[in-house]
Amino acid sequence: LDQYEDEYRKVLLDRIQAKLNGQPITVAEAAPEEPEMDLVDALMASINAEKAKAEANGTLSERIEELKTTEVK
């Protein structure tokens, strides 16, 4: 356990000591928040994309019939 160092505790104690000594405390800017993704919207978009792709390629049964009538050389 001695091989690990508690970085958070060390930084916190350093900041507390700096504040007690009257030194200014610098605060890092928070990372900008990313907009939350609506999982239902993402799922619907995925389903609609697959439907569009299937419609563009024809239905499976149509494709099977097409392959049956294709002449093999």
PDB file of N, CA and C in Angstrom:
ATOM      1  N   LEU A   1       0.818  -1.191   0.000  1.00  0.00           N
ATOM      2  CA  LEU A   1       0.000   0.000   0.000  1.00  0.00           C
ATOM      3  C   LEU A   1       0.866   1.262   0.000  1.00  0.00           C
ATOM      4  N   ASP A   2       2.096   1.113   0.464  1.00  0.00           N
ATOM      5  CA  ASP A   2       3.001   2.258   0.501  1.00  0.00           C
ATOM      6  C   ASP A   2       3.424   2.706  -0.891  1.00  0.00           C
ATOM      7  N   GLN A   3       3.271   1.825  -1.870  1.00  0.00           N
ATOM      8  CA  GLN A   3       3.705   2.175  -3.224  1.00  0.00           C
ATOM      9  C   GLN A   3       2.721   3.117  -3.920  1.00  0.00           C
ATOM     10  N   TYR A   4       1.519   3.246  -3.369  1.00  0.00           N
ATOM     11  CA  TYR A   4       0.512   4.113  -3.972  1.00  0.00           C
ATOM     12  C   TYR A   4       0.440   5.439  -3.223  1.00  0.00           C
ATOM     13  N   GLU A   5       0.183   6.484  -3.968  1.00  0.00           N
ATOM     14  CA  GLU A   5       0.084   7.809  -3.366  1.00  0.00           C
ATOM     15  C   GLU A   5      -1.286   8.390  -3.680  1.00  0.00           C
ATOM     16  N   ASP A   6      -1.922   8.941  -2.681  1.00  0.00           N
ATOM     17  CA  ASP A   6      -3.240   9.535  -2.852  1.00  0.00           C
ATOM     18  C   ASP A   6      -3.071  10.950  -3.408  1.00  0.00           C
ATOM     19  N   GLU A   7      -3.113  11.059  -4.735  1.00  0.00           N
ATOM     20  CA  GLU A   7      -2.901  12.347  -5.412  1.00  0.00           C
ATOM     21  C   GLU A   7      -3.972  13.367  -5.017  1.00  0.00           C
ATOM     22  N   TYR A   8      -5.211  12.925  -4.947  1.00  0.00           N
ATOM     23  CA  TYR A   8      -6.306  13.842  -4.632  1.00  0.00           C
ATOM     24  C   TYR A   8      -6.097  14.454  -3.249  1.00  0.00           C
ATOM     25  N   ARG A   9      -5.791  13.600  -2.285  1.00  0.00           N
ATOM     26  CA  ARG A   9      -5.583  14.074  -0.907  1.00  0.00           C
ATOM     27  C   ARG A   9      -4.412  15.049  -0.843  1.00  0.00           C
ATOM     28  N   LYS A  10      -3.338  14.728  -1.565  1.00  0.00           N
ATOM     29  CA  LYS A  10      -2.148  15.584  -1.569  1.00  0.00           C
ATOM     30  C   LYS A  10      -2.484  16.974  -2.127  1.00  0.00           C
ATOM     31  N   VAL A  11      -3.171  17.009  -3.252  1.00  0.00           N
ATOM     32  CA  VAL A  11      -3.547  18.287  -3.878  1.00  0.00           C
ATOM     33  C   VAL A  11      -4.500  19.059  -2.969  1.00  0.00           C
ATOM     34  N   LEU A  12      -5.455  18.348  -2.377  1.00  0.00           N
ATOM     35  CA  LEU A  12      -6.412  19.001  -1.488  1.00  0.00           C
ATOM     36  C   LEU A  12      -5.705  19.630  -0.289  1.00  0.00           C
ATOM     37  N   LEU A  13      -4.802  18.887   0.337  1.00  0.00           N
ATOM     38  CA  LEU A  13      -4.066  19.422   1.489  1.00  0.00           C
ATOM     39  C   LEU A  13      -3.187  20.605   1.087  1.00  0.00           C
ATOM     40  N   ASP A  14      -2.578  20.528  -0.101  1.00  0.00           N
ATOM     41  CA  ASP A  14      -1.768  21.651  -0.593  1.00  0.00           C
ATOM     42  C   ASP A  14      -2.628  22.899  -0.777  1.00  0.00           C
ATOM     43  N   ARG A  15      -3.822  22.726  -1.309  1.00  0.00           N
ATOM     44  CA  ARG A  15      -4.715  23.872  -1.527  1.00  0.00           C
ATOM     45  C   ARG A  15      -5.215  24.449  -0.204  1.00  0.00           C
ATOM     46  N   ILE A  16      -5.499  23.567   0.746  1.00  0.00           N
ATOM     47  CA  ILE A  16      -5.929  24.045   2.065  1.00  0.00           C
ATOM     48  C   ILE A  16      -4.810  24.858   2.711  1.00  0.00           C
ATOM     49  N   GLN A  17      -3.590  24.339   2.629  1.00  0.00           N
ATOM     50  CA  GLN A  17      -2.450  25.044   3.221  1.00  0.00           C
ATOM     51  C   GLN A  17      -2.225  26.392   2.531  1.00  0.00           C
ATOM     52  N   ALA A  18      -2.362  26.418   1.204  1.00  0.00           N
ATOM     53  CA  ALA A  18      -2.199  27.668   0.461  1.00  0.00           C
ATOM     54  C   ALA A  18      -3.255  28.679   0.896  1.00  0.00           C
ATOM     55  N   LYS A  19      -4.481  28.222   1.078  1.00  0.00           N
ATOM     56  CA  LYS A  19      -5.561  29.121   1.503  1.00  0.00           C
ATOM     57  C   LYS A  19      -5.278  29.665   2.906  1.00  0.00           C
ATOM     58  N   LEU A  20      -4.783  28.792   3.797  1.00  0.00           N
ATOM     59  CA  LEU A  20      -4.444  29.235   5.154  1.00  0.00           C
ATOM     60  C   LEU A  20      -3.318  30.260   5.144  1.00  0.00           C
ATOM     61  N   ASN A  21      -2.416  30.145   4.172  1.00  0.00           N
ATOM     62  CA  ASN A  21      -1.294  31.081   4.053  1.00  0.00           C
ATOM     63  C   ASN A  21      -1.686  32.360   3.317  1.00  0.00           C
ATOM     64  N   GLY A  22      -2.945  32.453   2.885  1.00  0.00           N
ATOM     65  CA  GLY A  22      -3.421  33.656   2.218  1.00  0.00           C
ATOM     66  C   GLY A  22      -3.101  33.710   0.736  1.00  0.00           C
ATOM     67  N   GLN A  23      -2.666  32.614   0.170  1.00  0.00           N
ATOM     68  CA  GLN A  23      -2.353  32.583  -1.262  1.00  0.00           C
ATOM     69  C   GLN A  23      -3.644  32.390  -2.058  1.00  0.00           C
ATOM     70  N   PRO A  24      -3.689  32.983  -3.253  1.00  0.00           N
ATOM     71  CA  PRO A  24      -4.897  32.813  -4.074  1.00  0.00           C
ATOM     72  C   PRO A  24      -5.000  31.371  -4.592  1.00  0.00           C
ATOM     73  N   ILE A  25      -6.208  30.904  -4.663  1.00  0.00           N
ATOM     74  CA  ILE A  25      -6.470  29.550  -5.149  1.00  0.00           C
ATOM     75  C   ILE A  25      -6.926  29.652  -6.605  1.00  0.00           C
ATOM     76  N   THR A  26      -6.266  28.914  -7.479  1.00  0.00           N
ATOM     77  CA  THR A  26      -6.673  28.898  -8.885  1.00  0.00           C
ATOM     78  C   THR A  26      -7.560  27.678  -9.119  1.00  0.00           C
ATOM     79  N   VAL A  27      -8.627  27.912  -9.828  1.00  0.00           N
ATOM     80  CA  VAL A  27      -9.577  26.844 -10.118  1.00  0.00           C
ATOM     81  C   VAL A  27      -9.574  26.603 -11.616  1.00  0.00           C
ATOM     82  N   ALA A  28      -9.421  25.355 -11.998  1.00  0.00           N
ATOM     83  CA  ALA A  28      -9.426  25.006 -13.421  1.00  0.00           C
ATOM     84  C   ALA A  28     -10.843  25.157 -13.974  1.00  0.00           C
ATOM     85  N   GLU A  29     -10.914  25.546 -15.239  1.00  0.00           N
ATOM     86  CA  GLU A  29     -12.220  25.666 -15.882  1.00  0.00           C
ATOM     87  C   GLU A  29     -12.817  24.287 -16.086  1.00  0.00           C
ATOM     88  N   ALA A  30     -14.111  24.213 -15.911  1.00  0.00           N
ATOM     89  CA  ALA A  30     -14.804  22.949 -16.137  1.00  0.00           C
ATOM     90  C   ALA A  30     -14.851  22.662 -17.630  1.00  0.00           C
ATOM     91  N   ALA A  31     -14.785  21.404 -17.966  1.00  0.00           N
ATOM     92  CA  ALA A  31     -14.873  21.002 -19.369  1.00  0.00           C
ATOM     93  C   ALA A  31     -16.279  21.325 -19.877  1.00  0.00           C
ATOM     94  N   PRO A  32     -16.390  21.764 -21.128  1.00  0.00           N
ATOM     95  CA  PRO A  32     -17.722  22.067 -21.656  1.00  0.00           C
ATOM     96  C   PRO A  32     -18.573  20.800 -21.698  1.00  0.00           C
ATOM     97  N   GLU A  33     -19.823  20.957 -21.325  1.00  0.00           N
ATOM     98  CA  GLU A  33     -20.724  19.811 -21.319  1.00  0.00           C
ATOM     99  C   GLU A  33     -21.135  19.467 -22.739  1.00  0.00           C
ATOM    100  N   GLU A  34     -21.109  18.182 -23.018  1.00  0.00           N
ATOM    101  CA  GLU A  34     -21.571  17.721 -24.324  1.00  0.00           C
ATOM    102  C   GLU A  34     -23.070  17.476 -24.226  1.00  0.00           C
ATOM    103  N   PRO A  35     -23.786  17.739 -25.295  1.00  0.00           N
ATOM    104  CA  PRO A  35     -25.229  17.505 -25.238  1.00  0.00           C
ATOM    105  C   PRO A  35     -25.508  16.015 -25.027  1.00  0.00           C
ATOM    106  N   GLU A  36     -26.529  15.752 -24.220  1.00  0.00           N
ATOM    107  CA  GLU A  36     -26.884  14.365 -23.959  1.00  0.00           C
ATOM    108  C   GLU A  36     -27.528  13.763 -25.195  1.00  0.00           C
ATOM    109  N   MET A  37     -27.202  12.508 -25.452  1.00  0.00           N
ATOM    110  CA  MET A  37     -27.778  11.823 -26.593  1.00  0.00           C
ATOM    111  C   MET A  37     -29.031  11.090 -26.124  1.00  0.00           C
ATOM    112  N   ASP A  38     -30.107  11.288 -26.815  1.00  0.00           N
ATOM    113  CA  ASP A  38     -31.342  10.593 -26.496  1.00  0.00           C
ATOM    114  C   ASP A  38     -31.255   9.205 -27.117  1.00  0.00           C
ATOM    115  N   LEU A  39     -31.234   8.177 -26.275  1.00  0.00           N
ATOM    116  CA  LEU A  39     -31.054   6.815 -26.769  1.00  0.00           C
ATOM    117  C   LEU A  39     -32.206   6.365 -27.663  1.00  0.00           C
ATOM    118  N   VAL A  40     -33.408   6.794 -27.348  1.00  0.00           N
ATOM    119  CA  VAL A  40     -34.556   6.407 -28.175  1.00  0.00           C
ATOM    120  C   VAL A  40     -34.414   7.011 -29.569  1.00  0.00           C
ATOM    121  N   ASP A  41     -34.005   8.278 -29.645  1.00  0.00           N
ATOM    122  CA  ASP A  41     -33.804   8.916 -30.948  1.00  0.00           C
ATOM    123  C   ASP A  41     -32.702   8.214 -31.731  1.00  0.00           C
ATOM    124  N   ALA A  42     -31.624   7.833 -31.043  1.00  0.00           N
ATOM    125  CA  ALA A  42     -30.523   7.141 -31.709  1.00  0.00           C
ATOM    126  C   ALA A  42     -30.983   5.782 -32.231  1.00  0.00           C
ATOM    127  N   LEU A  43     -31.775   5.069 -31.440  1.00  0.00           N
ATOM    128  CA  LEU A  43     -32.290   3.767 -31.867  1.00  0.00           C
ATOM    129  C   LEU A  43     -33.212   3.919 -33.070  1.00  0.00           C
ATOM    130  N   MET A  44     -34.102   4.902 -33.021  1.00  0.00           N
ATOM    131  CA  MET A  44     -35.021   5.118 -34.143  1.00  0.00           C
ATOM    132  C   MET A  44     -34.259   5.495 -35.409  1.00  0.00           C
ATOM    133  N   ALA A  45     -33.226   6.304 -35.279  1.00  0.00           N
ATOM    134  CA  ALA A  45     -32.420   6.681 -36.440  1.00  0.00           C
ATOM    135  C   ALA A  45     -31.744   5.452 -37.028  1.00  0.00           C
ATOM    136  N   SER A  46     -31.252   4.573 -36.167  1.00  0.00           N
ATOM    137  CA  SER A  46     -30.600   3.351 -36.631  1.00  0.00           C
ATOM    138  C   SER A  46     -31.596   2.442 -37.350  1.00  0.00           C
ATOM    139  N   ILE A  47     -32.776   2.292 -36.776  1.00  0.00           N
ATOM    140  CA  ILE A  47     -33.812   1.449 -37.390  1.00  0.00           C
ATOM    141  C   ILE A  47     -34.225   2.021 -38.738  1.00  0.00           C
ATOM    142  N   ASN A  48     -34.436   3.324 -38.795  1.00  0.00           N
ATOM    143  CA  ASN A  48     -34.838   3.958 -40.057  1.00  0.00           C
ATOM    144  C   ASN A  48     -33.756   3.830 -41.119  1.00  0.00           C
ATOM    145  N   ALA A  49     -32.494   3.916 -40.714  1.00  0.00           N
ATOM    146  CA  ALA A  49     -31.394   3.761 -41.669  1.00  0.00           C
ATOM    147  C   ALA A  49     -31.374   2.345 -42.229  1.00  0.00           C
ATOM    148  N   GLU A  50     -31.596   1.356 -41.367  1.00  0.00           N
ATOM    149  CA  GLU A  50     -31.619  -0.034 -41.831  1.00  0.00           C
ATOM    150  C   GLU A  50     -32.810  -0.287 -42.749  1.00  0.00           C
ATOM    151  N   LYS A  51     -33.957   0.305 -42.418  1.00  0.00           N
ATOM    152  CA  LYS A  51     -35.138   0.156 -43.281  1.00  0.00           C
ATOM    153  C   LYS A  51     -34.870   0.757 -44.656  1.00  0.00           C
ATOM    154  N   ALA A  52     -34.266   1.935 -44.680  1.00  0.00           N
ATOM    155  CA  ALA A  52     -33.969   2.596 -45.951  1.00  0.00           C
ATOM    156  C   ALA A  52     -32.995   1.763 -46.768  1.00  0.00           C
ATOM    157  N   LYS A  53     -32.001   1.190 -46.099  1.00  0.00           N
ATOM    158  CA  LYS A  53     -31.022   0.360 -46.800  1.00  0.00           C
ATOM    159  C   LYS A  53     -31.699  -0.895 -47.361  1.00  0.00           C
ATOM    160  N   ALA A  54     -32.594  -1.494 -46.583  1.00  0.00           N
ATOM    161  CA  ALA A  54     -33.303  -2.692 -47.039  1.00  0.00           C
ATOM    162  C   ALA A  54     -34.203  -2.367 -48.220  1.00  0.00           C
ATOM    163  N   GLU A  55     -34.885  -1.225 -48.166  1.00  0.00           N
ATOM    164  CA  GLU A  55     -35.757  -0.821 -49.270  1.00  0.00           C
ATOM    165  C   GLU A  55     -34.944  -0.543 -50.527  1.00  0.00           C
ATOM    166  N   ALA A  56     -33.771   0.028 -50.366  1.00  0.00           N
ATOM    167  CA  ALA A  56     -32.920   0.323 -51.518  1.00  0.00           C
ATOM    168  C   ALA A  56     -32.412  -0.963 -52.162  1.00  0.00           C
ATOM    169  N   ASN A  57     -32.168  -1.975 -51.353  1.00  0.00           N
ATOM    170  CA  ASN A  57     -31.655  -3.247 -51.864  1.00  0.00           C
ATOM    171  C   ASN A  57     -32.765  -4.222 -52.214  1.00  0.00           C
ATOM    172  N   GLY A  58     -34.013  -3.878 -51.950  1.00  0.00           N
ATOM    173  CA  GLY A  58     -35.121  -4.790 -52.178  1.00  0.00           C
ATOM    174  C   GLY A  58     -35.257  -5.725 -50.988  1.00  0.00           C
ATOM    175  N   THR A  59     -36.414  -6.358 -50.873  1.00  0.00           N
ATOM    176  CA  THR A  59     -36.621  -7.260 -49.749  1.00  0.00           C
ATOM    177  C   THR A  59     -35.842  -8.537 -49.967  1.00  0.00           C
ATOM    178  N   LEU A  60     -35.667  -9.279 -48.903  1.00  0.00           N
ATOM    179  CA  LEU A  60     -34.900 -10.517 -48.978  1.00  0.00           C
ATOM    180  C   LEU A  60     -35.564 -11.506 -49.926  1.00  0.00           C
ATOM    181  N   SER A  61     -36.886 -11.638 -49.843  1.00  0.00           N
ATOM    182  CA  SER A  61     -37.578 -12.592 -50.716  1.00  0.00           C
ATOM    183  C   SER A  61     -37.445 -12.180 -52.183  1.00  0.00           C
ATOM    184  N   GLU A  62     -37.497 -10.870 -52.458  1.00  0.00           N
ATOM    185  CA  GLU A  62     -37.299 -10.402 -53.834  1.00  0.00           C
ATOM    186  C   GLU A  62     -35.889 -10.736 -54.301  1.00  0.00           C
ATOM    187  N   ARG A  63     -34.923 -10.555 -53.432  1.00  0.00           N
ATOM    188  CA  ARG A  63     -33.524 -10.824 -53.785  1.00  0.00           C
ATOM    189  C   ARG A  63     -33.314 -12.312 -54.048  1.00  0.00           C
ATOM    190  N   ILE A  64     -33.958 -13.177 -53.256  1.00  0.00           N
ATOM    191  CA  ILE A  64     -33.831 -14.626 -53.457  1.00  0.00           C
ATOM    192  C   ILE A  64     -34.421 -15.017 -54.802  1.00  0.00           C
ATOM    193  N   GLU A  65     -35.599 -14.484 -55.122  1.00  0.00           N
ATOM    194  CA  GLU A  65     -36.226 -14.781 -56.413  1.00  0.00           C
ATOM    195  C   GLU A  65     -35.355 -14.294 -57.563  1.00  0.00           C
ATOM    196  N   GLU A  66     -34.761 -13.132 -57.393  1.00  0.00           N
ATOM    197  CA  GLU A  66     -33.878 -12.580 -58.417  1.00  0.00           C
ATOM    198  C   GLU A  66     -32.681 -13.501 -58.639  1.00  0.00           C
ATOM    199  N   LEU A  67     -32.128 -14.009 -57.565  1.00  0.00           N
ATOM    200  CA  LEU A  67     -30.974 -14.906 -57.680  1.00  0.00           C
ATOM    201  C   LEU A  67     -31.358 -16.238 -58.311  1.00  0.00           C
ATOM    202  N   LYS A  68     -32.575 -16.706 -58.044  1.00  0.00           N
ATOM    203  CA  LYS A  68     -33.035 -17.970 -58.621  1.00  0.00           C
ATOM    204  C   LYS A  68     -33.148 -17.869 -60.140  1.00  0.00           C
ATOM    205  N   THR A  69     -33.549 -16.695 -60.620  1.00  0.00           N
ATOM    206  CA  THR A  69     -33.756 -16.532 -62.058  1.00  0.00           C
ATOM    207  C   THR A  69     -32.491 -16.097 -62.793  1.00  0.00           C
ATOM    208  N   THR A  70     -31.434 -15.805 -62.052  1.00  0.00           N
ATOM    209  CA  THR A  70     -30.185 -15.389 -62.672  1.00  0.00           C
ATOM    210  C   THR A  70     -29.483 -16.616 -63.234  1.00  0.00           C
ATOM    211  N   GLU A  71     -29.049 -16.490 -64.465  1.00  0.00           N
ATOM    212  CA  GLU A  71     -28.378 -17.608 -65.126  1.00  0.00           C
ATOM    213  C   GLU A  71     -26.912 -17.644 -64.715  1.00  0.00           C
ATOM    214  N   VAL A  72     -26.458 -18.819 -64.347  1.00  0.00           N
ATOM    215  CA  VAL A  72     -25.066 -18.997 -63.934  1.00  0.00           C
ATOM    216  C   VAL A  72     -24.270 -19.461 -65.136  1.00  0.00           C
ATOM    217  N   LYS A  73     -23.104 -18.850 -65.371  1.00  0.00           N
ATOM    218  CA  LYS A  73     -22.279 -19.224 -66.521  1.00  0.00           C
ATOM    219  C   LYS A  73     -21.282 -20.278 -66.146  1.00  0.00           C
TER     220      LYS A  73
END
